[in-house]
Amino acid sequence: MKDYEKRFVRYLSENSLKLTRTRRLILDAVFKTHDHVDVDTLYNMIKADHSDVSLATIYRTMPLLVEAGLIKQSLRYQSKDHYEHVFGHRNHIHLLCENCGKIIEISGRHLEEFLKNETQKHSFEFIDYTLNVTGLCHKCRKALNRKIKR
């Protein structure tokens, strides 16, 4: 059993819930992808091999994965909530291209140190942060510059 699965089983047990076949399929699908995933995309991934898994079940399972500390809603982008698994992953910053929707992750290590220092000055307990930066990726910026030059 993988570590993330053990953690989920423990969380479910503590809340008098069971690891059903469908929950296991959803959990595995989330951890198979290393991208930011929305529920519709996740549904399409699972449905390809398991047509009996409903969209409603995925919507009901996502909060359980969040509460178990395995994933988090990392951003709301293009009118959809996007999730990523955080179990065993360092926090990071998202660069979001407003044109093509590309999401680029960069390290937040220096920002995290800054936040820890600043929050300590105010006797504030630092737990987590989320930072999303919007703009244009290199390809979109290059394409836009070509259009302007014409």
N, C-alpha and C. Protein backbone atom coordinates (compact mmCIF):
# COMPACT_ATOMS: atom_id res chain seq x y z
N MET A 1 0.85 -1.19 0.00
CA MET A 1 0.00 0.00 0.00
C MET A 1 0.89 1.25 0.00
N LYS A 2 0.59 2.18 -0.86
CA LYS A 2 1.37 3.42 -0.97
C LYS A 2 1.10 4.31 0.24
N ASP A 3 2.05 5.21 0.54
CA ASP A 3 1.93 6.09 1.71
C ASP A 3 0.67 6.95 1.66
N TYR A 4 0.37 7.49 0.48
CA TYR A 4 -0.81 8.34 0.39
C TYR A 4 -2.09 7.53 0.62
N GLU A 5 -2.07 6.27 0.19
CA GLU A 5 -3.24 5.42 0.41
C GLU A 5 -3.38 5.09 1.90
N LYS A 6 -2.26 4.82 2.56
CA LYS A 6 -2.32 4.56 4.01
C LYS A 6 -2.89 5.76 4.76
N ARG A 7 -2.46 6.94 4.36
CA ARG A 7 -2.95 8.15 5.02
C ARG A 7 -4.45 8.31 4.79
N PHE A 8 -4.90 8.04 3.58
CA PHE A 8 -6.32 8.17 3.27
C PHE A 8 -7.14 7.13 4.04
N VAL A 9 -6.66 5.91 4.10
CA VAL A 9 -7.35 4.85 4.85
C VAL A 9 -7.46 5.24 6.33
N ARG A 10 -6.37 5.78 6.88
CA ARG A 10 -6.38 6.21 8.29
C ARG A 10 -7.40 7.33 8.49
N TYR A 11 -7.41 8.32 7.57
CA TYR A 11 -8.38 9.42 7.66
C TYR A 11 -9.81 8.89 7.59
N LEU A 12 -10.07 8.02 6.62
CA LEU A 12 -11.42 7.47 6.47
C LEU A 12 -11.84 6.70 7.72
N SER A 13 -10.94 5.89 8.24
CA SER A 13 -11.22 5.10 9.44
C SER A 13 -11.55 6.01 10.63
N GLU A 14 -10.78 7.08 10.79
CA GLU A 14 -11.02 8.03 11.89
C GLU A 14 -12.38 8.71 11.76
N ASN A 15 -12.91 8.74 10.56
CA ASN A 15 -14.20 9.38 10.31
C ASN A 15 -15.30 8.38 10.01
N SER A 16 -15.07 7.12 10.40
CA SER A 16 -16.04 6.04 10.23
C SER A 16 -16.49 5.86 8.77
N LEU A 17 -15.53 5.99 7.86
CA LEU A 17 -15.78 5.80 6.44
C LEU A 17 -14.89 4.67 5.93
N LYS A 18 -15.21 4.16 4.76
CA LYS A 18 -14.44 3.06 4.19
C LYS A 18 -13.77 3.49 2.89
N LEU A 19 -12.68 2.80 2.56
CA LEU A 19 -12.03 3.00 1.28
C LEU A 19 -12.75 2.10 0.27
N THR A 20 -13.69 2.68 -0.43
CA THR A 20 -14.44 1.92 -1.44
C THR A 20 -13.61 1.81 -2.71
N ARG A 21 -14.04 0.94 -3.59
CA ARG A 21 -13.37 0.77 -4.87
C ARG A 21 -13.33 2.09 -5.63
N THR A 22 -14.45 2.82 -5.62
CA THR A 22 -14.53 4.09 -6.34
C THR A 22 -13.60 5.13 -5.73
N ARG A 23 -13.56 5.22 -4.42
CA ARG A 23 -12.64 6.17 -3.77
C ARG A 23 -11.19 5.84 -4.09
N ARG A 24 -10.88 4.56 -4.14
CA ARG A 24 -9.52 4.13 -4.49
C ARG A 24 -9.18 4.54 -5.93
N LEU A 25 -10.14 4.37 -6.85
CA LEU A 25 -9.92 4.76 -8.24
C LEU A 25 -9.66 6.26 -8.35
N ILE A 26 -10.44 7.05 -7.62
CA ILE A 26 -10.28 8.51 -7.63
C ILE A 26 -8.93 8.89 -7.03
N LEU A 27 -8.60 8.30 -5.90
CA LEU A 27 -7.31 8.56 -5.25
C LEU A 27 -6.15 8.24 -6.18
N ASP A 28 -6.20 7.08 -6.81
CA ASP A 28 -5.12 6.68 -7.72
C ASP A 28 -5.03 7.61 -8.92
N ALA A 29 -6.17 8.02 -9.45
CA ALA A 29 -6.16 8.94 -10.61
C ALA A 29 -5.54 10.28 -10.24
N VAL A 30 -5.88 10.78 -9.06
CA VAL A 30 -5.31 12.05 -8.61
C VAL A 30 -3.79 11.95 -8.49
N PHE A 31 -3.31 10.84 -7.95
CA PHE A 31 -1.86 10.69 -7.74
C PHE A 31 -1.12 10.22 -8.98
N LYS A 32 -1.85 9.79 -10.02
CA LYS A 32 -1.20 9.44 -11.28
C LYS A 32 -0.77 10.69 -12.04
N THR A 33 -1.58 11.72 -11.91
CA THR A 33 -1.27 12.96 -12.62
C THR A 33 -0.41 13.85 -11.75
N HIS A 34 0.54 14.50 -12.37
CA HIS A 34 1.38 15.45 -11.64
C HIS A 34 1.06 16.86 -12.08
N ASP A 35 -0.11 17.00 -12.69
CA ASP A 35 -0.58 18.31 -13.13
C ASP A 35 -1.66 18.80 -12.19
N HIS A 36 -2.10 20.02 -12.43
CA HIS A 36 -3.24 20.56 -11.73
C HIS A 36 -4.46 20.02 -12.44
N VAL A 37 -5.37 19.46 -11.69
CA VAL A 37 -6.49 18.77 -12.33
C VAL A 37 -7.80 19.32 -11.78
N ASP A 38 -8.75 19.51 -12.68
CA ASP A 38 -10.10 19.90 -12.26
C ASP A 38 -10.96 18.63 -12.27
N VAL A 39 -12.11 18.71 -11.67
CA VAL A 39 -12.96 17.53 -11.51
C VAL A 39 -13.39 16.96 -12.85
N ASP A 40 -13.71 17.81 -13.81
CA ASP A 40 -14.14 17.31 -15.13
C ASP A 40 -13.03 16.51 -15.81
N THR A 41 -11.81 17.01 -15.74
CA THR A 41 -10.68 16.31 -16.34
C THR A 41 -10.45 14.98 -15.63
N LEU A 42 -10.53 15.01 -14.32
CA LEU A 42 -10.37 13.79 -13.53
C LEU A 42 -11.46 12.77 -13.90
N TYR A 43 -12.68 13.24 -14.04
CA TYR A 43 -13.79 12.38 -14.42
C TYR A 43 -13.52 11.72 -15.77
N ASN A 44 -13.06 12.50 -16.74
CA ASN A 44 -12.77 11.94 -18.06
C ASN A 44 -11.63 10.93 -18.02
N MET A 45 -10.63 11.17 -17.17
CA MET A 45 -9.54 10.21 -17.02
C MET A 45 -10.05 8.88 -16.48
N ILE A 46 -10.89 8.95 -15.47
CA ILE A 46 -11.40 7.74 -14.81
C ILE A 46 -12.42 7.03 -15.69
N LYS A 47 -13.29 7.81 -16.30
CA LYS A 47 -14.38 7.26 -17.12
C LYS A 47 -13.86 6.42 -18.28
N ALA A 48 -12.69 6.75 -18.78
CA ALA A 48 -12.12 6.01 -19.91
C ALA A 48 -12.00 4.52 -19.60
N ASP A 49 -11.69 4.17 -18.35
CA ASP A 49 -11.53 2.77 -17.95
C ASP A 49 -12.63 2.26 -17.02
N HIS A 50 -13.36 3.17 -16.40
CA HIS A 50 -14.36 2.79 -15.39
C HIS A 50 -15.61 3.63 -15.58
N SER A 51 -16.47 3.20 -16.47
CA SER A 51 -17.66 3.98 -16.82
C SER A 51 -18.68 4.08 -15.68
N ASP A 52 -18.52 3.26 -14.65
CA ASP A 52 -19.48 3.26 -13.54
C ASP A 52 -19.20 4.34 -12.50
N VAL A 53 -18.10 5.07 -12.62
CA VAL A 53 -17.77 6.13 -11.66
C VAL A 53 -18.47 7.41 -12.10
N SER A 54 -19.26 7.98 -11.18
CA SER A 54 -20.04 9.17 -11.53
C SER A 54 -19.29 10.45 -11.17
N LEU A 55 -19.66 11.50 -11.86
CA LEU A 55 -19.11 12.83 -11.59
C LEU A 55 -19.45 13.26 -10.17
N ALA A 56 -20.66 12.95 -9.73
CA ALA A 56 -21.09 13.31 -8.37
C ALA A 56 -20.21 12.65 -7.31
N THR A 57 -19.83 11.41 -7.55
CA THR A 57 -18.97 10.70 -6.59
C THR A 57 -17.60 11.37 -6.50
N ILE A 58 -17.09 11.82 -7.63
CA ILE A 58 -15.81 12.52 -7.62
C ILE A 58 -15.94 13.82 -6.85
N TYR A 59 -17.02 14.57 -7.10
CA TYR A 59 -17.24 15.81 -6.35
C TYR A 59 -17.34 15.55 -4.85
N ARG A 60 -17.94 14.44 -4.45
CA ARG A 60 -18.07 14.12 -3.02
C ARG A 60 -16.74 13.64 -2.42
N THR A 61 -15.88 13.05 -3.24
CA THR A 61 -14.62 12.50 -2.74
C THR A 61 -13.53 13.56 -2.61
N MET A 62 -13.55 14.56 -3.46
CA MET A 62 -12.48 15.57 -3.44
C MET A 62 -12.34 16.25 -2.06
N PRO A 63 -13.43 16.65 -1.40
CA PRO A 63 -13.27 17.25 -0.07
C PRO A 63 -12.65 16.27 0.94
N LEU A 64 -12.91 14.98 0.79
CA LEU A 64 -12.30 14.00 1.68
C LEU A 64 -10.78 13.96 1.49
N LEU A 65 -10.35 14.04 0.25
CA LEU A 65 -8.91 14.05 -0.05
C LEU A 65 -8.26 15.32 0.47
N VAL A 66 -8.99 16.43 0.40
CA VAL A 66 -8.48 17.70 0.93
C VAL A 66 -8.36 17.60 2.45
N GLU A 67 -9.42 17.15 3.11
CA GLU A 67 -9.43 17.05 4.57
C GLU A 67 -8.37 16.07 5.08
N ALA A 68 -8.05 15.06 4.28
CA ALA A 68 -7.02 14.08 4.66
C ALA A 68 -5.61 14.64 4.49
N GLY A 69 -5.50 15.84 3.88
CA GLY A 69 -4.19 16.46 3.69
C GLY A 69 -3.42 15.90 2.50
N LEU A 70 -4.13 15.28 1.58
CA LEU A 70 -3.48 14.68 0.41
C LEU A 70 -3.44 15.61 -0.79
N ILE A 71 -4.47 16.40 -0.94
CA ILE A 71 -4.54 17.35 -2.05
C ILE A 71 -5.00 18.69 -1.50
N LYS A 72 -4.89 19.72 -2.34
CA LYS A 72 -5.50 20.99 -1.98
C LYS A 72 -6.04 21.64 -3.24
N GLN A 73 -7.04 22.47 -3.03
CA GLN A 73 -7.54 23.27 -4.14
C GLN A 73 -6.50 24.35 -4.31
N SER A 74 -5.71 24.24 -5.36
CA SER A 74 -4.58 25.14 -5.50
C SER A 74 -4.95 26.44 -6.19
N LEU A 75 -5.97 26.41 -7.03
CA LEU A 75 -6.37 27.64 -7.69
C LEU A 75 -7.73 27.49 -8.33
N ARG A 76 -8.36 28.62 -8.50
CA ARG A 76 -9.60 28.68 -9.29
C ARG A 76 -9.20 29.42 -10.54
N TYR A 77 -9.25 28.72 -11.67
CA TYR A 77 -8.70 29.26 -12.89
C TYR A 77 -9.57 28.83 -14.06
N GLN A 78 -9.87 29.76 -14.93
CA GLN A 78 -10.74 29.51 -16.08
C GLN A 78 -12.07 28.90 -15.63
N SER A 79 -12.64 29.48 -14.58
CA SER A 79 -13.94 29.11 -14.02
C SER A 79 -14.00 27.70 -13.45
N LYS A 80 -12.85 27.12 -13.11
CA LYS A 80 -12.84 25.77 -12.53
C LYS A 80 -11.88 25.73 -11.35
N ASP A 81 -12.25 24.93 -10.35
CA ASP A 81 -11.33 24.67 -9.24
C ASP A 81 -10.32 23.63 -9.69
N HIS A 82 -9.05 23.92 -9.50
CA HIS A 82 -7.98 23.00 -9.84
C HIS A 82 -7.34 22.48 -8.56
N TYR A 83 -7.06 21.20 -8.56
CA TYR A 83 -6.47 20.53 -7.40
C TYR A 83 -5.09 19.99 -7.78
N GLU A 84 -4.29 19.82 -6.77
CA GLU A 84 -3.00 19.16 -6.95
C GLU A 84 -2.69 18.38 -5.68
N HIS A 85 -1.93 17.30 -5.83
CA HIS A 85 -1.60 16.57 -4.63
C HIS A 85 -0.43 17.27 -3.94
N VAL A 86 -0.55 17.37 -2.63
CA VAL A 86 0.45 18.08 -1.83
C VAL A 86 1.17 17.13 -0.89
N PHE A 87 0.67 15.94 -0.76
CA PHE A 87 1.30 14.96 0.13
C PHE A 87 2.70 14.65 -0.41
N GLY A 88 3.72 15.02 0.36
CA GLY A 88 5.10 14.77 -0.05
C GLY A 88 5.66 15.80 -1.01
N HIS A 89 4.97 16.91 -1.22
CA HIS A 89 5.44 17.95 -2.15
C HIS A 89 5.60 19.28 -1.42
N ARG A 90 6.65 19.99 -1.75
CA ARG A 90 6.86 21.33 -1.18
C ARG A 90 5.89 22.32 -1.80
N ASN A 91 5.61 23.37 -1.05
CA ASN A 91 4.77 24.43 -1.56
C ASN A 91 5.49 25.16 -2.69
N HIS A 92 4.76 25.81 -3.56
CA HIS A 92 5.34 26.47 -4.71
C HIS A 92 4.41 27.59 -5.18
N ILE A 93 4.88 28.32 -6.17
CA ILE A 93 4.14 29.44 -6.73
C ILE A 93 3.65 29.05 -8.13
N HIS A 94 2.44 29.48 -8.47
CA HIS A 94 1.88 29.20 -9.79
C HIS A 94 1.96 30.44 -10.67
N LEU A 95 2.50 30.27 -11.87
CA LEU A 95 2.47 31.32 -12.89
C LEU A 95 1.39 30.90 -13.89
N LEU A 96 0.37 31.73 -14.07
CA LEU A 96 -0.79 31.38 -14.88
C LEU A 96 -0.84 32.24 -16.13
N CYS A 97 -0.80 31.62 -17.29
CA CYS A 97 -0.90 32.36 -18.54
C CYS A 97 -2.37 32.67 -18.81
N GLU A 98 -2.68 33.95 -18.91
CA GLU A 98 -4.06 34.38 -19.13
C GLU A 98 -4.54 34.09 -20.55
N ASN A 99 -3.61 33.81 -21.45
CA ASN A 99 -3.99 33.57 -22.84
C ASN A 99 -4.25 32.09 -23.11
N CYS A 100 -3.27 31.23 -22.84
CA CYS A 100 -3.40 29.81 -23.21
C CYS A 100 -3.78 28.91 -22.04
N GLY A 101 -3.74 29.43 -20.81
CA GLY A 101 -4.12 28.62 -19.65
C GLY A 101 -3.00 27.79 -19.07
N LYS A 102 -1.80 27.92 -19.60
CA LYS A 102 -0.66 27.14 -19.09
C LYS A 102 -0.38 27.51 -17.63
N ILE A 103 -0.03 26.49 -16.84
CA ILE A 103 0.32 26.70 -15.44
C ILE A 103 1.78 26.27 -15.26
N ILE A 104 2.60 27.19 -14.80
CA ILE A 104 4.02 26.91 -14.56
C ILE A 104 4.24 26.99 -13.05
N GLU A 105 4.94 26.00 -12.51
CA GLU A 105 5.26 26.00 -11.08
C GLU A 105 6.71 26.44 -10.89
N ILE A 106 6.91 27.32 -9.91
CA ILE A 106 8.27 27.71 -9.54
C ILE A 106 8.42 27.57 -8.02
N SER A 107 9.63 27.43 -7.59
CA SER A 107 9.91 27.24 -6.17
C SER A 107 9.48 28.46 -5.36
N GLY A 108 8.96 28.21 -4.19
CA GLY A 108 8.58 29.28 -3.28
C GLY A 108 9.46 29.31 -2.05
N ARG A 109 10.60 28.64 -2.11
CA ARG A 109 11.47 28.50 -0.94
C ARG A 109 11.86 29.85 -0.33
N HIS A 110 12.27 30.81 -1.17
CA HIS A 110 12.68 32.12 -0.65
C HIS A 110 11.48 32.89 -0.08
N LEU A 111 10.35 32.79 -0.75
CA LEU A 111 9.13 33.43 -0.26
C LEU A 111 8.71 32.82 1.08
N GLU A 112 8.82 31.52 1.18
CA GLU A 112 8.43 30.84 2.42
C GLU A 112 9.29 31.31 3.60
N GLU A 113 10.59 31.45 3.38
CA GLU A 113 11.47 31.96 4.45
C GLU A 113 11.08 33.38 4.83
N PHE A 114 10.81 34.21 3.84
CA PHE A 114 10.38 35.58 4.09
C PHE A 114 9.09 35.60 4.92
N LEU A 115 8.12 34.78 4.52
CA LEU A 115 6.84 34.73 5.24
C LEU A 115 7.01 34.25 6.67
N LYS A 116 7.85 33.25 6.86
CA LYS A 116 8.09 32.75 8.23
C LYS A 116 8.70 33.84 9.10
N ASN A 117 9.66 34.57 8.57
CA ASN A 117 10.30 35.65 9.34
C ASN A 117 9.31 36.76 9.67
N GLU A 118 8.53 37.18 8.66
CA GLU A 118 7.57 38.26 8.87
C GLU A 118 6.45 37.86 9.83
N THR A 119 5.97 36.63 9.72
CA THR A 119 4.88 36.22 10.61
C THR A 119 5.36 36.07 12.04
N GLN A 120 6.61 35.65 12.22
CA GLN A 120 7.17 35.55 13.58
C GLN A 120 7.23 36.91 14.25
N LYS A 121 7.54 37.95 13.49
CA LYS A 121 7.60 39.31 14.04
C LYS A 121 6.26 39.73 14.63
N HIS A 122 5.18 39.17 14.12
CA HIS A 122 3.83 39.54 14.56
C HIS A 122 3.20 38.46 15.43
N SER A 123 4.03 37.54 15.92
CA SER A 123 3.55 36.42 16.74
C SER A 123 2.39 35.69 16.06
N PHE A 124 2.55 35.49 14.79
CA PHE A 124 1.53 34.83 13.96
C PHE A 124 2.08 33.48 13.54
N GLU A 125 1.28 32.44 13.71
CA GLU A 125 1.74 31.10 13.34
C GLU A 125 1.52 30.86 11.84
N PHE A 126 2.62 30.74 11.12
CA PHE A 126 2.60 30.48 9.68
C PHE A 126 2.29 29.02 9.44
N ILE A 127 1.28 28.74 8.60
CA ILE A 127 0.91 27.36 8.28
C ILE A 127 1.11 27.08 6.80
N ASP A 128 0.57 27.92 5.95
CA ASP A 128 0.58 27.63 4.52
C ASP A 128 0.41 28.93 3.76
N TYR A 129 0.69 28.90 2.48
CA TYR A 129 0.43 30.04 1.61
C TYR A 129 0.04 29.54 0.23
N THR A 130 -0.65 30.41 -0.50
CA THR A 130 -1.00 30.16 -1.89
C THR A 130 -0.70 31.44 -2.65
N LEU A 131 0.07 31.31 -3.72
CA LEU A 131 0.38 32.48 -4.53
C LEU A 131 0.26 32.12 -5.99
N ASN A 132 -0.59 32.86 -6.69
CA ASN A 132 -0.79 32.68 -8.12
C ASN A 132 -0.48 34.00 -8.80
N VAL A 133 0.37 33.95 -9.80
CA VAL A 133 0.77 35.13 -10.55
C VAL A 133 0.23 34.99 -11.96
N THR A 134 -0.56 35.97 -12.41
CA THR A 134 -1.12 35.90 -13.76
C THR A 134 -0.30 36.77 -14.70
N GLY A 135 -0.29 36.37 -15.95
CA GLY A 135 0.46 37.10 -16.98
C GLY A 135 0.41 36.33 -18.28
N LEU A 136 1.47 36.44 -19.06
CA LEU A 136 1.57 35.74 -20.34
C LEU A 136 2.82 34.89 -20.36
N CYS A 137 2.67 33.65 -20.80
CA CYS A 137 3.83 32.77 -20.93
C CYS A 137 4.69 33.24 -22.10
N HIS A 138 5.86 32.67 -22.22
CA HIS A 138 6.81 33.06 -23.26
C HIS A 138 6.22 32.92 -24.66
N LYS A 139 5.57 31.79 -24.94
CA LYS A 139 5.00 31.55 -26.27
C LYS A 139 3.90 32.57 -26.61
N CYS A 140 3.03 32.83 -25.67
CA CYS A 140 1.94 33.77 -25.93
C CYS A 140 2.46 35.19 -26.07
N ARG A 141 3.43 35.55 -25.26
CA ARG A 141 4.02 36.88 -25.36
C ARG A 141 4.71 37.06 -26.72
N LYS A 142 5.41 36.02 -27.16
CA LYS A 142 6.10 36.04 -28.45
C LYS A 142 5.08 36.17 -29.59
N ALA A 143 4.00 35.41 -29.53
CA ALA A 143 2.94 35.48 -30.55
C ALA A 143 2.29 36.86 -30.57
N LEU A 144 2.06 37.42 -29.41
CA LEU A 144 1.46 38.76 -29.31
C LEU A 144 2.39 39.80 -29.91
N ASN A 145 3.68 39.70 -29.64
CA ASN A 145 4.66 40.64 -30.20
C ASN A 145 4.70 40.56 -31.72
N ARG A 146 4.56 39.35 -32.27
CA ARG A 146 4.53 39.18 -33.72
C ARG A 146 3.31 39.87 -34.32
N LYS A 147 2.15 39.75 -33.66
CA LYS A 147 0.92 40.39 -34.15
C LYS A 147 1.07 41.92 -34.13
N ILE A 148 1.68 42.45 -33.07
CA ILE A 148 1.83 43.90 -32.93
C ILE A 148 2.76 44.46 -34.01
N LYS A 149 3.79 43.71 -34.37
CA LYS A 149 4.78 44.18 -35.35
C LYS A 149 4.22 44.21 -36.76
N ARG A 150 3.15 43.50 -37.04
CA ARG A 150 2.59 43.45 -38.40
C ARG A 150 1.93 44.72 -38.79
